[in-house]
């Protein structure tokens, strides 16, 4: 298996998807962090705390705090207590989510439908597996490192391939 080439292709695909998702945020005049935080709040069946937003969104605590400050300023969220759960306000739900996320979600639905049921199911199952393995490797990494353990690479002189030790 040519892991490096597959990883390059995967990275290009992730970058392309990132650009696609960034467009509605830019059109609405919001940062990526506000966009993804709104997305988490919109998709959650219950209000979330800022700690949960950090955990689920994978953004740094300060980034989430800044996003929440902007969202409070713009009237998108409601939070009764400083450390309490955060939910979308009526304004946040109707203006932001309806206008922005319904367009994105509609496109996501159309893409999955265009793939066909079997391919879409397979794609989602493989992506779930990829995300779970990625998360497991991240959790198993050395916490003293910046999130991931860097393993030294050495060349296998006979095979001409890089190997991890």
N, C-alpha and C. Protein backbone atom coordinates (compact mmCIF):
# COMPACT_ATOMS: atom_id res chain seq x y z
N UNK A 1 0.86 -1.19 0.00
CA UNK A 1 0.00 0.00 0.00
C UNK A 1 0.90 1.24 0.00
N UNK A 2 0.56 2.20 -0.79
CA UNK A 2 1.33 3.43 -0.88
C UNK A 2 0.71 4.47 0.03
N UNK A 3 1.03 4.37 1.30
CA UNK A 3 0.41 5.19 2.32
C UNK A 3 0.64 6.68 2.09
N UNK A 4 1.84 7.06 1.71
CA UNK A 4 2.14 8.49 1.51
C UNK A 4 1.26 9.09 0.41
N UNK A 5 1.10 8.36 -0.70
CA UNK A 5 0.25 8.86 -1.79
C UNK A 5 -1.22 8.93 -1.39
N UNK A 6 -1.68 7.91 -0.68
CA UNK A 6 -3.06 7.93 -0.19
C UNK A 6 -3.28 9.11 0.76
N UNK A 7 -2.31 9.33 1.62
CA UNK A 7 -2.42 10.44 2.57
C UNK A 7 -2.43 11.78 1.84
N UNK A 8 -1.62 11.91 0.80
CA UNK A 8 -1.61 13.14 0.00
C UNK A 8 -2.98 13.37 -0.64
N UNK A 9 -3.55 12.31 -1.21
CA UNK A 9 -4.88 12.42 -1.82
C UNK A 9 -5.93 12.79 -0.78
N UNK A 10 -5.85 12.16 0.38
CA UNK A 10 -6.79 12.46 1.45
C UNK A 10 -6.66 13.91 1.90
N UNK A 11 -5.44 14.39 2.05
CA UNK A 11 -5.22 15.78 2.45
C UNK A 11 -5.79 16.76 1.44
N UNK A 12 -5.60 16.47 0.16
CA UNK A 12 -6.16 17.33 -0.89
C UNK A 12 -7.69 17.35 -0.82
N UNK A 13 -8.27 16.18 -0.56
CA UNK A 13 -9.74 16.10 -0.44
C UNK A 13 -10.23 16.88 0.77
N UNK A 14 -9.54 16.74 1.90
CA UNK A 14 -9.92 17.50 3.10
C UNK A 14 -9.80 19.00 2.84
N UNK A 15 -8.74 19.41 2.16
CA UNK A 15 -8.57 20.83 1.85
C UNK A 15 -9.68 21.34 0.94
N UNK A 16 -10.06 20.53 -0.04
CA UNK A 16 -11.15 20.92 -0.94
C UNK A 16 -12.46 21.06 -0.17
N UNK A 17 -12.73 20.12 0.73
CA UNK A 17 -13.95 20.19 1.54
C UNK A 17 -13.91 21.40 2.47
N UNK A 18 -12.75 21.69 3.02
CA UNK A 18 -12.61 22.84 3.91
C UNK A 18 -12.96 24.12 3.16
N UNK A 19 -12.50 24.24 1.91
CA UNK A 19 -12.82 25.43 1.10
C UNK A 19 -14.33 25.51 0.85
N UNK A 20 -14.94 24.36 0.58
CA UNK A 20 -16.38 24.33 0.31
C UNK A 20 -17.16 24.78 1.54
N UNK A 21 -16.79 24.32 2.72
CA UNK A 21 -17.48 24.70 3.94
C UNK A 21 -17.16 26.13 4.37
N UNK A 22 -15.98 26.61 4.01
CA UNK A 22 -15.59 27.97 4.39
C UNK A 22 -16.40 29.02 3.62
N UNK A 23 -16.82 28.69 2.41
CA UNK A 23 -17.53 29.66 1.56
C UNK A 23 -18.79 30.22 2.21
N UNK A 24 -19.71 29.40 2.73
CA UNK A 24 -20.90 29.98 3.37
C UNK A 24 -20.57 30.83 4.59
N UNK A 25 -19.53 30.44 5.32
CA UNK A 25 -19.12 31.25 6.48
C UNK A 25 -18.63 32.61 6.03
N UNK A 26 -17.82 32.63 4.99
CA UNK A 26 -17.32 33.90 4.46
C UNK A 26 -18.45 34.78 3.93
N UNK A 27 -19.39 34.15 3.24
CA UNK A 27 -20.53 34.90 2.70
C UNK A 27 -21.36 35.52 3.82
N UNK A 28 -21.41 34.84 4.97
CA UNK A 28 -22.16 35.35 6.11
C UNK A 28 -21.33 36.30 6.96
N UNK A 29 -20.06 36.47 6.59
CA UNK A 29 -19.18 37.38 7.33
C UNK A 29 -18.74 36.84 8.68
N UNK A 30 -18.61 35.52 8.79
CA UNK A 30 -18.19 34.95 10.07
C UNK A 30 -16.92 34.14 9.91
N UNK A 31 -16.22 34.01 11.03
CA UNK A 31 -14.98 33.23 11.03
C UNK A 31 -15.30 31.74 10.99
N UNK A 32 -14.28 30.95 10.67
CA UNK A 32 -14.44 29.49 10.69
C UNK A 32 -14.84 29.01 12.07
N UNK A 33 -14.23 29.58 13.10
CA UNK A 33 -14.53 29.12 14.47
C UNK A 33 -15.98 29.41 14.84
N UNK A 34 -16.51 30.55 14.45
CA UNK A 34 -17.93 30.84 14.70
C UNK A 34 -18.80 29.88 13.90
N UNK A 35 -18.45 29.66 12.65
CA UNK A 35 -19.21 28.75 11.79
C UNK A 35 -19.30 27.36 12.41
N UNK A 36 -18.15 26.78 12.80
CA UNK A 36 -18.14 25.41 13.33
C UNK A 36 -18.79 25.34 14.70
N UNK A 37 -18.66 26.38 15.49
CA UNK A 37 -19.31 26.40 16.81
C UNK A 37 -20.82 26.46 16.63
N UNK A 38 -21.29 27.29 15.71
CA UNK A 38 -22.72 27.33 15.40
C UNK A 38 -23.20 25.96 14.90
N UNK A 39 -22.38 25.33 14.08
CA UNK A 39 -22.74 24.02 13.53
C UNK A 39 -22.90 23.00 14.66
N UNK A 40 -21.97 23.00 15.61
CA UNK A 40 -22.08 22.08 16.76
C UNK A 40 -23.35 22.34 17.55
N UNK A 41 -23.63 23.61 17.83
CA UNK A 41 -24.82 23.95 18.59
C UNK A 41 -26.09 23.59 17.83
N UNK A 42 -26.07 23.81 16.54
CA UNK A 42 -27.25 23.50 15.71
C UNK A 42 -27.53 22.00 15.69
N UNK A 43 -26.49 21.20 15.60
CA UNK A 43 -26.65 19.76 15.45
C UNK A 43 -26.83 19.02 16.77
N UNK A 44 -26.58 19.69 17.88
CA UNK A 44 -26.70 19.03 19.17
C UNK A 44 -28.17 19.01 19.63
N UNK A 45 -28.63 17.87 20.13
CA UNK A 45 -30.01 17.80 20.62
C UNK A 45 -30.21 18.51 21.96
N UNK A 46 -29.09 18.83 22.64
CA UNK A 46 -29.15 19.52 23.93
C UNK A 46 -28.15 20.67 23.92
N UNK A 47 -28.37 21.69 24.77
CA UNK A 47 -27.37 22.76 24.88
C UNK A 47 -26.02 22.19 25.33
N UNK A 48 -24.94 22.83 24.91
CA UNK A 48 -23.59 22.36 25.23
C UNK A 48 -22.85 23.41 26.06
N UNK A 49 -21.96 22.97 26.92
CA UNK A 49 -21.10 23.89 27.66
C UNK A 49 -19.92 24.28 26.77
N UNK A 50 -19.20 25.30 27.16
CA UNK A 50 -18.02 25.69 26.38
C UNK A 50 -16.98 24.57 26.39
N UNK A 51 -16.86 23.85 27.51
CA UNK A 51 -15.92 22.72 27.57
C UNK A 51 -16.31 21.64 26.56
N UNK A 52 -17.58 21.38 26.42
CA UNK A 52 -18.03 20.40 25.43
C UNK A 52 -17.78 20.88 24.01
N UNK A 53 -17.96 22.17 23.78
CA UNK A 53 -17.68 22.72 22.45
C UNK A 53 -16.20 22.56 22.12
N UNK A 54 -15.33 22.78 23.10
CA UNK A 54 -13.89 22.58 22.89
C UNK A 54 -13.63 21.11 22.58
N UNK A 55 -14.21 20.22 23.38
CA UNK A 55 -13.99 18.79 23.21
C UNK A 55 -14.51 18.28 21.87
N UNK A 56 -15.74 18.60 21.53
CA UNK A 56 -16.36 18.08 20.31
C UNK A 56 -15.86 18.77 19.05
N UNK A 57 -15.54 20.05 19.17
CA UNK A 57 -15.13 20.80 17.98
C UNK A 57 -13.65 20.72 17.67
N UNK A 58 -12.85 20.31 18.66
CA UNK A 58 -11.42 20.18 18.43
C UNK A 58 -10.69 21.50 18.28
N UNK A 59 -11.34 22.58 18.70
CA UNK A 59 -10.71 23.90 18.63
C UNK A 59 -10.12 24.24 19.99
N UNK A 60 -9.08 25.07 20.03
CA UNK A 60 -8.52 25.48 21.32
C UNK A 60 -9.55 26.25 22.15
N UNK A 61 -9.39 26.19 23.46
CA UNK A 61 -10.31 26.84 24.39
C UNK A 61 -10.45 28.33 24.09
N UNK A 62 -9.33 29.01 23.84
CA UNK A 62 -9.37 30.45 23.57
C UNK A 62 -10.12 30.75 22.28
N UNK A 63 -9.97 29.90 21.28
CA UNK A 63 -10.67 30.09 20.01
C UNK A 63 -12.17 29.97 20.21
N UNK A 64 -12.59 28.96 20.98
CA UNK A 64 -14.01 28.78 21.27
C UNK A 64 -14.53 29.96 22.09
N UNK A 65 -13.75 30.42 23.06
CA UNK A 65 -14.16 31.58 23.87
C UNK A 65 -14.35 32.81 23.00
N UNK A 66 -13.43 33.04 22.09
CA UNK A 66 -13.54 34.18 21.18
C UNK A 66 -14.76 34.05 20.27
N UNK A 67 -14.98 32.83 19.77
CA UNK A 67 -16.14 32.59 18.90
C UNK A 67 -17.42 32.84 19.68
N UNK A 68 -17.50 32.35 20.92
CA UNK A 68 -18.70 32.56 21.74
C UNK A 68 -18.92 34.03 22.04
N UNK A 69 -17.85 34.77 22.28
CA UNK A 69 -17.99 36.21 22.53
C UNK A 69 -18.60 36.90 21.31
N UNK A 70 -18.12 36.55 20.13
CA UNK A 70 -18.67 37.13 18.89
C UNK A 70 -20.12 36.72 18.71
N UNK A 71 -20.43 35.46 19.03
CA UNK A 71 -21.79 34.96 18.87
C UNK A 71 -22.75 35.62 19.86
N UNK A 72 -22.27 35.88 21.08
CA UNK A 72 -23.10 36.61 22.06
C UNK A 72 -23.34 38.04 21.58
N UNK A 73 -22.29 38.67 21.10
CA UNK A 73 -22.38 40.05 20.61
C UNK A 73 -23.39 40.16 19.47
N UNK A 74 -23.41 39.16 18.61
CA UNK A 74 -24.32 39.18 17.46
C UNK A 74 -25.69 38.59 17.76
N UNK A 75 -25.88 38.15 19.01
CA UNK A 75 -27.18 37.64 19.44
C UNK A 75 -27.51 36.25 18.94
N UNK A 76 -26.50 35.43 18.64
CA UNK A 76 -26.74 34.09 18.12
C UNK A 76 -26.93 33.04 19.21
N UNK A 77 -26.41 33.29 20.42
CA UNK A 77 -26.47 32.28 21.48
C UNK A 77 -27.03 32.86 22.78
N UNK A 78 -27.50 31.94 23.62
CA UNK A 78 -28.02 32.28 24.94
C UNK A 78 -27.30 31.40 25.96
N UNK A 79 -26.87 32.04 27.05
CA UNK A 79 -26.23 31.31 28.14
C UNK A 79 -26.62 31.99 29.44
N UNK A 80 -27.34 31.26 30.30
CA UNK A 80 -27.85 31.85 31.54
C UNK A 80 -26.76 32.06 32.58
N UNK A 81 -25.81 31.13 32.67
CA UNK A 81 -24.72 31.22 33.64
C UNK A 81 -23.39 31.13 32.91
N UNK A 82 -22.35 31.73 33.47
CA UNK A 82 -21.04 31.77 32.83
C UNK A 82 -20.54 30.40 32.41
N UNK A 83 -20.67 29.41 33.25
CA UNK A 83 -20.20 28.06 32.93
C UNK A 83 -21.34 27.13 32.53
N UNK A 84 -22.51 27.68 32.34
CA UNK A 84 -23.68 26.87 32.01
C UNK A 84 -23.76 26.51 30.55
N UNK A 85 -24.78 25.73 30.23
CA UNK A 85 -24.97 25.31 28.84
C UNK A 85 -25.30 26.50 27.92
N UNK A 86 -24.91 26.34 26.69
CA UNK A 86 -25.09 27.38 25.67
C UNK A 86 -26.04 26.83 24.61
N UNK A 87 -26.99 27.64 24.23
CA UNK A 87 -27.90 27.21 23.16
C UNK A 87 -28.06 28.35 22.17
N UNK A 88 -28.57 28.00 21.02
CA UNK A 88 -28.83 29.02 20.01
C UNK A 88 -30.03 29.85 20.42
N UNK A 89 -29.94 31.13 20.19
CA UNK A 89 -31.09 32.01 20.40
C UNK A 89 -32.05 31.83 19.23
N UNK A 90 -33.22 32.39 19.34
CA UNK A 90 -34.14 32.35 18.21
C UNK A 90 -33.53 32.99 16.98
N UNK A 91 -32.84 34.11 17.19
CA UNK A 91 -32.16 34.81 16.10
C UNK A 91 -31.08 33.91 15.49
N UNK A 92 -30.28 33.27 16.35
CA UNK A 92 -29.22 32.39 15.87
C UNK A 92 -29.77 31.22 15.08
N UNK A 93 -30.87 30.67 15.57
CA UNK A 93 -31.47 29.51 14.90
C UNK A 93 -32.09 29.92 13.57
N UNK A 94 -32.82 31.00 13.55
CA UNK A 94 -33.53 31.36 12.32
C UNK A 94 -32.64 32.00 11.27
N UNK A 95 -31.85 32.97 11.66
CA UNK A 95 -31.04 33.69 10.66
C UNK A 95 -29.84 32.87 10.22
N UNK A 96 -28.96 32.58 11.16
CA UNK A 96 -27.71 31.90 10.81
C UNK A 96 -27.94 30.50 10.32
N UNK A 97 -28.59 29.72 11.13
CA UNK A 97 -28.69 28.30 10.82
C UNK A 97 -29.57 28.02 9.63
N UNK A 98 -30.67 28.70 9.56
CA UNK A 98 -31.54 28.45 8.42
C UNK A 98 -30.88 28.89 7.12
N UNK A 99 -30.33 30.07 7.12
CA UNK A 99 -29.74 30.61 5.90
C UNK A 99 -28.46 29.88 5.50
N UNK A 100 -27.60 29.59 6.47
CA UNK A 100 -26.29 29.03 6.16
C UNK A 100 -26.32 27.52 6.10
N UNK A 101 -26.78 26.91 7.18
CA UNK A 101 -26.64 25.47 7.30
C UNK A 101 -27.64 24.68 6.47
N UNK A 102 -28.79 25.24 6.20
CA UNK A 102 -29.73 24.49 5.36
C UNK A 102 -29.16 24.35 3.96
N UNK A 103 -28.47 25.37 3.47
CA UNK A 103 -27.82 25.30 2.15
C UNK A 103 -26.74 24.23 2.16
N UNK A 104 -25.91 24.22 3.19
CA UNK A 104 -24.82 23.25 3.29
C UNK A 104 -25.40 21.84 3.44
N UNK A 105 -26.37 21.70 4.34
CA UNK A 105 -26.95 20.38 4.58
C UNK A 105 -27.67 19.85 3.34
N UNK A 106 -28.35 20.72 2.62
CA UNK A 106 -29.01 20.29 1.39
C UNK A 106 -27.99 19.74 0.40
N UNK A 107 -26.85 20.40 0.28
CA UNK A 107 -25.79 19.93 -0.62
C UNK A 107 -25.24 18.58 -0.14
N UNK A 108 -25.05 18.45 1.18
CA UNK A 108 -24.57 17.17 1.72
C UNK A 108 -25.54 16.04 1.38
N UNK A 109 -26.83 16.29 1.55
CA UNK A 109 -27.84 15.28 1.23
C UNK A 109 -27.79 14.90 -0.24
N UNK A 110 -27.68 15.91 -1.11
CA UNK A 110 -27.65 15.63 -2.54
C UNK A 110 -26.42 14.82 -2.94
N UNK A 111 -25.28 15.11 -2.30
CA UNK A 111 -24.05 14.37 -2.59
C UNK A 111 -24.22 12.90 -2.20
N UNK A 112 -24.75 12.66 -0.98
CA UNK A 112 -24.94 11.28 -0.54
C UNK A 112 -25.94 10.55 -1.43
N UNK A 113 -27.00 11.23 -1.84
CA UNK A 113 -27.98 10.61 -2.74
C UNK A 113 -27.36 10.31 -4.10
N UNK A 114 -26.51 11.21 -4.59
CA UNK A 114 -25.86 11.00 -5.89
C UNK A 114 -24.90 9.81 -5.84
N UNK A 115 -24.32 9.54 -4.67
CA UNK A 115 -23.42 8.40 -4.52
C UNK A 115 -24.18 7.08 -4.60
N UNK A 116 -25.46 7.11 -4.28
CA UNK A 116 -26.23 5.88 -4.20
C UNK A 116 -26.15 5.33 -2.78
N UNK A 117 -27.17 4.59 -2.39
CA UNK A 117 -27.30 4.13 -1.01
C UNK A 117 -26.11 3.28 -0.57
N UNK A 118 -25.71 2.33 -1.39
CA UNK A 118 -24.64 1.41 -0.99
C UNK A 118 -23.30 2.13 -0.84
N UNK A 119 -22.94 2.95 -1.83
CA UNK A 119 -21.67 3.68 -1.75
C UNK A 119 -21.69 4.70 -0.62
N UNK A 120 -22.82 5.38 -0.43
CA UNK A 120 -22.91 6.37 0.65
C UNK A 120 -22.77 5.70 2.01
N UNK A 121 -23.44 4.56 2.19
CA UNK A 121 -23.32 3.82 3.46
C UNK A 121 -21.89 3.37 3.70
N UNK A 122 -21.26 2.86 2.66
CA UNK A 122 -19.87 2.42 2.76
C UNK A 122 -18.94 3.59 3.08
N UNK A 123 -19.15 4.71 2.39
CA UNK A 123 -18.33 5.90 2.62
C UNK A 123 -18.44 6.37 4.07
N UNK A 124 -19.67 6.47 4.58
CA UNK A 124 -19.87 6.94 5.95
C UNK A 124 -19.25 5.97 6.94
N UNK A 125 -19.43 4.67 6.72
CA UNK A 125 -18.85 3.67 7.63
C UNK A 125 -17.32 3.75 7.63
N UNK A 126 -16.72 3.88 6.45
CA UNK A 126 -15.27 4.00 6.37
C UNK A 126 -14.78 5.30 7.01
N UNK A 127 -15.50 6.38 6.80
CA UNK A 127 -15.09 7.65 7.40
C UNK A 127 -15.20 7.59 8.92
N UNK A 128 -16.26 6.96 9.43
CA UNK A 128 -16.40 6.78 10.88
C UNK A 128 -15.24 5.96 11.44
N UNK A 129 -14.87 4.91 10.72
CA UNK A 129 -13.73 4.08 11.15
C UNK A 129 -12.44 4.89 11.13
N UNK A 130 -12.23 5.66 10.07
CA UNK A 130 -11.04 6.51 9.96
C UNK A 130 -10.97 7.49 11.13
N UNK A 131 -12.10 8.17 11.40
CA UNK A 131 -12.13 9.15 12.49
C UNK A 131 -11.89 8.49 13.84
N UNK A 132 -12.47 7.30 14.06
CA UNK A 132 -12.28 6.60 15.33
C UNK A 132 -10.81 6.19 15.51
N UNK A 133 -10.19 5.65 14.46
CA UNK A 133 -8.79 5.26 14.54
C UNK A 133 -7.89 6.47 14.74
N UNK A 134 -8.19 7.55 14.04
CA UNK A 134 -7.42 8.78 14.17
C UNK A 134 -7.51 9.28 15.61
N UNK A 135 -8.71 9.30 16.16
CA UNK A 135 -8.90 9.74 17.54
C UNK A 135 -8.19 8.84 18.53
N UNK A 136 -8.23 7.53 18.30
CA UNK A 136 -7.55 6.59 19.19
C UNK A 136 -6.05 6.81 19.17
N UNK A 137 -5.48 6.97 17.98
CA UNK A 137 -4.04 7.22 17.89
C UNK A 137 -3.66 8.53 18.56
N UNK A 138 -4.50 9.54 18.42
CA UNK A 138 -4.23 10.82 19.06
C UNK A 138 -4.27 10.67 20.58
N UNK A 139 -5.26 9.93 21.10
CA UNK A 139 -5.36 9.72 22.55
C UNK A 139 -4.20 8.89 23.09
N UNK A 140 -3.73 7.96 22.28
CA UNK A 140 -2.63 7.09 22.71
C UNK A 140 -1.27 7.76 22.61
N UNK A 141 -1.22 8.92 21.96
CA UNK A 141 0.07 9.58 21.76
C UNK A 141 0.59 10.17 23.07
N UNK A 142 1.83 10.52 23.08
CA UNK A 142 2.48 11.10 24.24
C UNK A 142 1.91 12.50 24.50
N UNK A 143 1.27 12.72 25.66
CA UNK A 143 0.66 14.03 25.91
C UNK A 143 1.69 15.15 26.02
N UNK A 144 2.95 14.82 26.25
CA UNK A 144 3.99 15.85 26.32
C UNK A 144 4.30 16.43 24.94
N UNK A 145 3.93 15.66 23.90
CA UNK A 145 4.13 16.14 22.54
C UNK A 145 2.94 17.01 22.16
N UNK A 146 3.01 17.64 21.01
CA UNK A 146 1.94 18.55 20.59
C UNK A 146 0.78 17.79 19.97
N UNK A 147 0.23 16.83 20.70
CA UNK A 147 -0.93 16.11 20.22
C UNK A 147 -0.61 14.81 19.53
N UNK A 148 0.52 14.69 18.91
CA UNK A 148 0.86 13.47 18.20
C UNK A 148 2.29 13.08 18.51
N UNK A 149 2.52 11.80 18.60
CA UNK A 149 3.86 11.29 18.81
C UNK A 149 4.55 11.21 17.46
N UNK A 150 5.66 11.84 17.38
CA UNK A 150 6.44 11.78 16.15
C UNK A 150 7.41 10.61 16.25
N UNK A 151 7.29 9.67 15.37
CA UNK A 151 8.19 8.53 15.38
C UNK A 151 9.27 8.77 14.34
N UNK A 152 10.53 8.49 14.72
CA UNK A 152 11.60 8.69 13.75
C UNK A 152 11.44 7.74 12.57
N UNK A 153 11.85 8.23 11.42
CA UNK A 153 11.78 7.40 10.21
C UNK A 153 13.21 7.03 9.81
N UNK A 154 13.33 5.81 9.33
CA UNK A 154 14.61 5.33 8.83
C UNK A 154 14.36 4.68 7.49
N UNK A 155 15.35 4.74 6.64
CA UNK A 155 15.21 4.11 5.33
C UNK A 155 15.59 2.65 5.41
N UNK A 156 14.75 1.83 4.84
CA UNK A 156 15.05 0.41 4.69
C UNK A 156 15.88 0.31 3.41
N UNK A 157 17.16 0.13 3.58
CA UNK A 157 18.09 0.18 2.44
C UNK A 157 17.74 -0.84 1.37
N UNK A 158 17.32 -2.04 1.78
CA UNK A 158 17.02 -3.07 0.80
C UNK A 158 15.76 -2.77 0.01
N UNK A 159 14.72 -2.31 0.71
CA UNK A 159 13.44 -2.08 0.04
C UNK A 159 13.34 -0.65 -0.52
N UNK A 160 14.22 0.25 -0.05
CA UNK A 160 14.15 1.64 -0.49
C UNK A 160 12.94 2.38 0.04
N UNK A 161 12.40 1.91 1.17
CA UNK A 161 11.21 2.51 1.75
C UNK A 161 11.54 3.08 3.12
N UNK A 162 10.76 4.10 3.50
CA UNK A 162 10.87 4.63 4.86
C UNK A 162 10.05 3.75 5.78
N UNK A 163 10.61 3.49 6.95
CA UNK A 163 9.88 2.73 7.95
C UNK A 163 9.90 3.49 9.26
N UNK A 164 8.87 3.28 10.06
CA UNK A 164 8.80 3.89 11.38
C UNK A 164 9.35 2.89 12.39
N UNK A 165 10.07 3.42 13.35
CA UNK A 165 10.59 2.56 14.42
C UNK A 165 10.01 2.93 15.75
